[in-house]
Amino acid sequence: MAQITYVEASGQSTTVELADGWSLMQGATANGVDGILGECGGSCACATCHCYVDESRSHELPAPSEGELAMLDNVSSERRPNSRLACQIKASPALDGLVVHLPETQE
Protein backbone atom coordinates (compact mmCIF):
# COMPACT_ATOMS: atom_id res chain seq x y z
CA MET A 1 0.00 0.00 0.00
CA ALA A 2 1.07 3.55 -0.58
CA GLN A 3 -0.19 6.88 0.64
CA ILE A 4 -0.39 9.31 -2.27
CA THR A 5 -1.11 13.01 -1.86
CA TYR A 6 -2.92 14.82 -4.66
CA VAL A 7 -2.64 18.60 -4.64
CA GLU A 8 -5.36 20.25 -6.68
CA ALA A 9 -4.75 23.49 -8.62
CA SER A 10 -6.68 25.31 -5.88
CA GLY A 11 -4.10 24.13 -3.34
CA GLN A 12 -6.41 21.66 -1.59
CA SER A 13 -4.63 18.41 -0.87
CA THR A 14 -6.09 14.95 -0.41
CA THR A 15 -4.10 11.95 0.77
CA VAL A 16 -5.40 8.49 -0.09
CA GLU A 17 -4.09 5.01 0.57
CA LEU A 18 -3.82 2.96 -2.61
CA ALA A 19 -3.54 -0.79 -2.88
CA ASP A 20 -0.53 -2.13 -4.74
CA GLY A 21 -1.14 -2.14 -8.47
CA TRP A 22 -3.80 0.56 -8.47
CA SER A 23 -3.02 3.46 -10.77
CA LEU A 24 -2.85 6.96 -9.40
CA MET A 25 -5.78 7.78 -11.70
CA GLN A 26 -7.90 5.00 -10.17
CA GLY A 27 -7.05 6.25 -6.69
CA ALA A 28 -8.05 9.80 -7.54
CA THR A 29 -11.32 8.96 -9.25
CA ALA A 30 -12.35 6.41 -6.60
CA ASN A 31 -11.75 8.97 -3.86
CA GLY A 32 -13.41 11.98 -5.49
CA VAL A 33 -10.24 13.97 -6.12
CA ASP A 34 -11.08 16.91 -8.38
CA GLY A 35 -8.69 17.50 -11.23
CA ILE A 36 -8.33 14.00 -12.67
CA LEU A 37 -11.00 12.95 -15.13
CA GLY A 38 -9.66 9.70 -16.57
CA GLU A 39 -12.14 9.75 -19.44
CA CYS A 40 -10.57 6.74 -21.18
CA GLY A 41 -10.67 4.64 -18.02
CA GLY A 42 -6.92 4.28 -17.83
CA SER A 43 -6.08 3.01 -21.30
CA CYS A 44 -3.60 5.83 -22.03
CA ALA A 45 -5.83 7.25 -24.75
CA CYS A 46 -7.05 10.67 -23.58
CA ALA A 47 -4.52 12.57 -21.40
CA THR A 48 -7.24 13.67 -18.93
CA CYS A 49 -5.26 12.30 -15.99
CA HIS A 50 -2.27 14.57 -16.55
CA CYS A 51 -0.35 15.31 -13.36
CA TYR A 52 2.94 16.74 -12.20
CA VAL A 53 4.98 14.27 -10.16
CA ASP A 54 7.07 15.63 -7.32
CA GLU A 55 10.36 16.35 -9.08
CA SER A 56 12.44 15.07 -6.17
CA ARG A 57 10.90 11.60 -6.64
CA SER A 58 10.26 11.40 -10.38
CA HIS A 59 13.42 9.30 -10.82
CA GLU A 60 11.75 6.56 -8.74
CA LEU A 61 9.11 5.95 -11.40
CA PRO A 62 9.49 3.74 -14.45
CA ALA A 63 10.21 5.78 -17.56
CA PRO A 64 7.13 6.74 -19.56
CA SER A 65 6.28 4.53 -22.52
CA GLU A 66 6.22 5.82 -26.08
CA GLY A 67 2.42 5.82 -25.89
CA GLU A 68 2.41 7.91 -22.74
CA LEU A 69 4.89 10.38 -24.24
CA ALA A 70 2.67 10.71 -27.32
CA MET A 71 -0.41 11.37 -25.17
CA LEU A 72 1.47 13.98 -23.14
CA ASP A 73 1.73 15.97 -26.37
CA ASN A 74 -2.05 16.44 -26.09
CA VAL A 75 -2.41 17.76 -22.54
CA SER A 76 -4.50 20.89 -22.00
CA SER A 77 -2.30 22.46 -19.35
CA GLU A 78 1.39 23.20 -19.58
CA ARG A 79 3.54 20.14 -20.20
CA ARG A 80 6.53 20.11 -17.87
CA PRO A 81 9.54 17.80 -17.48
CA ASN A 82 7.72 16.11 -14.56
CA SER A 83 4.42 15.68 -16.46
CA ARG A 84 3.01 12.17 -16.37
CA LEU A 85 -0.30 10.42 -16.93
CA ALA A 86 -1.67 9.18 -13.62
CA CYS A 87 -3.14 6.11 -15.32
CA GLN A 88 0.37 4.89 -16.07
CA ILE A 89 1.76 5.12 -12.54
CA LYS A 90 1.03 2.09 -10.36
CA ALA A 91 1.02 2.28 -6.58
CA SER A 92 3.60 0.27 -4.67
CA PRO A 93 5.21 0.54 -1.24
CA ALA A 94 8.17 2.29 -2.90
CA LEU A 95 5.89 5.21 -3.82
CA ASP A 96 4.58 5.74 -0.29
CA GLY A 97 4.40 9.47 0.42
CA LEU A 98 4.47 10.53 -3.24
CA VAL A 99 2.97 13.95 -3.97
CA VAL A 100 1.40 14.76 -7.32
CA HIS A 101 0.13 18.17 -8.35
CA LEU A 102 -2.85 18.48 -10.65
CA PRO A 103 -3.10 21.04 -13.46
CA GLU A 104 -5.75 23.73 -13.71
CA THR A 105 -7.57 21.95 -16.51
CA GLN A 106 -7.75 18.53 -18.12
CA GLU A 107 -10.00 19.44 -21.05
C-alpha atoms as a PDB file:
ATOM      1  CA  MET A   1       0.000   0.000   0.000  1.00  0.00           C
ATOM      2  CA  ALA A   2       1.069   3.554  -0.581  1.00  0.00           C
ATOM      3  CA  GLN A   3      -0.192   6.879   0.643  1.00  0.00           C
ATOM      4  CA  ILE A   4      -0.388   9.307  -2.268  1.00  0.00           C
ATOM      5  CA  THR A   5      -1.113  13.008  -1.860  1.00  0.00           C
ATOM      6  CA  TYR A   6      -2.923  14.817  -4.658  1.00  0.00           C
ATOM      7  CA  VAL A   7      -2.645  18.600  -4.642  1.00  0.00           C
ATOM      8  CA  GLU A   8      -5.357  20.253  -6.682  1.00  0.00           C
ATOM      9  CA  ALA A   9      -4.749  23.490  -8.624  1.00  0.00           C
ATOM     10  CA  SER A  10      -6.684  25.310  -5.877  1.00  0.00           C
ATOM     11  CA  GLY A  11      -4.103  24.134  -3.340  1.00  0.00           C
ATOM     12  CA  GLN A  12      -6.405  21.658  -1.594  1.00  0.00           C
ATOM     13  CA  SER A  13      -4.633  18.407  -0.870  1.00  0.00           C
ATOM     14  CA  THR A  14      -6.088  14.950  -0.406  1.00  0.00           C
ATOM     15  CA  THR A  15      -4.103  11.945   0.775  1.00  0.00           C
ATOM     16  CA  VAL A  16      -5.400   8.493  -0.088  1.00  0.00           C
ATOM     17  CA  GLU A  17      -4.092   5.007   0.568  1.00  0.00           C
ATOM     18  CA  LEU A  18      -3.817   2.957  -2.612  1.00  0.00           C
ATOM     19  CA  ALA A  19      -3.540  -0.788  -2.882  1.00  0.00           C
ATOM     20  CA  ASP A  20      -0.532  -2.126  -4.737  1.00  0.00           C
ATOM     21  CA  GLY A  21      -1.143  -2.140  -8.473  1.00  0.00           C
ATOM     22  CA  TRP A  22      -3.802   0.561  -8.471  1.00  0.00           C
ATOM     23  CA  SER A  23      -3.025   3.456 -10.766  1.00  0.00           C
ATOM     24  CA  LEU A  24      -2.854   6.965  -9.402  1.00  0.00           C
ATOM     25  CA  MET A  25      -5.784   7.776 -11.700  1.00  0.00           C
ATOM     26  CA  GLN A  26      -7.900   5.004 -10.166  1.00  0.00           C
ATOM     27  CA  GLY A  27      -7.051   6.248  -6.693  1.00  0.00           C
ATOM     28  CA  ALA A  28      -8.050   9.802  -7.540  1.00  0.00           C
ATOM     29  CA  THR A  29     -11.322   8.959  -9.251  1.00  0.00           C
ATOM     30  CA  ALA A  30     -12.352   6.405  -6.598  1.00  0.00           C
ATOM     31  CA  ASN A  31     -11.753   8.968  -3.862  1.00  0.00           C
ATOM     32  CA  GLY A  32     -13.406  11.983  -5.490  1.00  0.00           C
ATOM     33  CA  VAL A  33     -10.242  13.966  -6.118  1.00  0.00           C
ATOM     34  CA  ASP A  34     -11.083  16.910  -8.379  1.00  0.00           C
ATOM     35  CA  GLY A  35      -8.692  17.496 -11.225  1.00  0.00           C
ATOM     36  CA  ILE A  36      -8.328  14.003 -12.666  1.00  0.00           C
ATOM     37  CA  LEU A  37     -11.003  12.948 -15.131  1.00  0.00           C
ATOM     38  CA  GLY A  38      -9.655   9.699 -16.572  1.00  0.00           C
ATOM     39  CA  GLU A  39     -12.143   9.745 -19.437  1.00  0.00           C
ATOM     40  CA  CYS A  40     -10.572   6.737 -21.182  1.00  0.00           C
ATOM     41  CA  GLY A  41     -10.670   4.638 -18.016  1.00  0.00           C
ATOM     42  CA  GLY A  42      -6.920   4.281 -17.827  1.00  0.00           C
ATOM     43  CA  SER A  43      -6.082   3.010 -21.302  1.00  0.00           C
ATOM     44  CA  CYS A  44      -3.601   5.831 -22.028  1.00  0.00           C
ATOM     45  CA  ALA A  45      -5.827   7.255 -24.750  1.00  0.00           C
ATOM     46  CA  CYS A  46      -7.048  10.670 -23.577  1.00  0.00           C
ATOM     47  CA  ALA A  47      -4.519  12.575 -21.399  1.00  0.00           C
ATOM     48  CA  THR A  48      -7.238  13.671 -18.933  1.00  0.00           C
ATOM     49  CA  CYS A  49      -5.259  12.300 -15.989  1.00  0.00           C
ATOM     50  CA  HIS A  50      -2.266  14.573 -16.549  1.00  0.00           C
ATOM     51  CA  CYS A  51      -0.350  15.312 -13.357  1.00  0.00           C
ATOM     52  CA  TYR A  52       2.944  16.741 -12.201  1.00  0.00           C
ATOM     53  CA  VAL A  53       4.981  14.271 -10.162  1.00  0.00           C
ATOM     54  CA  ASP A  54       7.069  15.628  -7.316  1.00  0.00           C
ATOM     55  CA  GLU A  55      10.360  16.346  -9.077  1.00  0.00           C
ATOM     56  CA  SER A  56      12.445  15.067  -6.169  1.00  0.00           C
ATOM     57  CA  ARG A  57      10.902  11.602  -6.635  1.00  0.00           C
ATOM     58  CA  SER A  58      10.261  11.397 -10.379  1.00  0.00           C
ATOM     59  CA  HIS A  59      13.420   9.304 -10.821  1.00  0.00           C
ATOM     60  CA  GLU A  60      11.750   6.559  -8.739  1.00  0.00           C
ATOM     61  CA  LEU A  61       9.108   5.952 -11.399  1.00  0.00           C
ATOM     62  CA  PRO A  62       9.489   3.740 -14.447  1.00  0.00           C
ATOM     63  CA  ALA A  63      10.212   5.776 -17.563  1.00  0.00           C
ATOM     64  CA  PRO A  64       7.126   6.743 -19.563  1.00  0.00           C
ATOM     65  CA  SER A  65       6.276   4.525 -22.520  1.00  0.00           C
ATOM     66  CA  GLU A  66       6.221   5.819 -26.082  1.00  0.00           C
ATOM     67  CA  GLY A  67       2.418   5.821 -25.892  1.00  0.00           C
ATOM     68  CA  GLU A  68       2.411   7.912 -22.736  1.00  0.00           C
ATOM     69  CA  LEU A  69       4.888  10.380 -24.244  1.00  0.00           C
ATOM     70  CA  ALA A  70       2.673  10.707 -27.318  1.00  0.00           C
ATOM     71  CA  MET A  71      -0.408  11.368 -25.173  1.00  0.00           C
ATOM     72  CA  LEU A  72       1.468  13.979 -23.135  1.00  0.00           C
ATOM     73  CA  ASP A  73       1.732  15.970 -26.366  1.00  0.00           C
ATOM     74  CA  ASN A  74      -2.055  16.437 -26.094  1.00  0.00           C
ATOM     75  CA  VAL A  75      -2.407  17.758 -22.538  1.00  0.00           C
ATOM     76  CA  SER A  76      -4.499  20.895 -22.002  1.00  0.00           C
ATOM     77  CA  SER A  77      -2.295  22.462 -19.348  1.00  0.00           C
ATOM     78  CA  GLU A  78       1.392  23.203 -19.581  1.00  0.00           C
ATOM     79  CA  ARG A  79       3.538  20.142 -20.202  1.00  0.00           C
ATOM     80  CA  ARG A  80       6.530  20.113 -17.868  1.00  0.00           C
ATOM     81  CA  PRO A  81       9.539  17.803 -17.478  1.00  0.00           C
ATOM     82  CA  ASN A  82       7.717  16.115 -14.559  1.00  0.00           C
ATOM     83  CA  SER A  83       4.421  15.678 -16.455  1.00  0.00           C
ATOM     84  CA  ARG A  84       3.015  12.167 -16.366  1.00  0.00           C
ATOM     85  CA  LEU A  85      -0.302  10.423 -16.925  1.00  0.00           C
ATOM     86  CA  ALA A  86      -1.667   9.182 -13.617  1.00  0.00           C
ATOM     87  CA  CYS A  87      -3.142   6.111 -15.324  1.00  0.00           C
ATOM     88  CA  GLN A  88       0.372   4.893 -16.074  1.00  0.00           C
ATOM     89  CA  ILE A  89       1.763   5.124 -12.535  1.00  0.00           C
ATOM     90  CA  LYS A  90       1.026   2.088 -10.359  1.00  0.00           C
ATOM     91  CA  ALA A  91       1.022   2.282  -6.581  1.00  0.00           C
ATOM     92  CA  SER A  92       3.597   0.273  -4.668  1.00  0.00           C
ATOM     93  CA  PRO A  93       5.208   0.545  -1.236  1.00  0.00           C
ATOM     94  CA  ALA A  94       8.169   2.285  -2.902  1.00  0.00           C
ATOM     95  CA  LEU A  95       5.891   5.208  -3.817  1.00  0.00           C
ATOM     96  CA  ASP A  96       4.578   5.738  -0.291  1.00  0.00           C
ATOM     97  CA  GLY A  97       4.400   9.467   0.422  1.00  0.00           C
ATOM     98  CA  LEU A  98       4.469  10.529  -3.239  1.00  0.00           C
ATOM     99  CA  VAL A  99       2.968  13.949  -3.968  1.00  0.00           C
ATOM    100  CA  VAL A 100       1.396  14.760  -7.324  1.00  0.00           C
ATOM    101  CA  HIS A 101       0.129  18.172  -8.348  1.00  0.00           C
ATOM    102  CA  LEU A 102      -2.848  18.485 -10.646  1.00  0.00           C
ATOM    103  CA  PRO A 103      -3.100  21.039 -13.463  1.00  0.00           C
ATOM    104  CA  GLU A 104      -5.753  23.727 -13.705  1.00  0.00           C
ATOM    105  CA  THR A 105      -7.575  21.951 -16.510  1.00  0.00           C
ATOM    106  CA  GLN A 106      -7.751  18.526 -18.123  1.00  0.00           C
ATOM    107  CA  GLU A 107      -9.996  19.437 -21.052  1.00  0.00           C
END
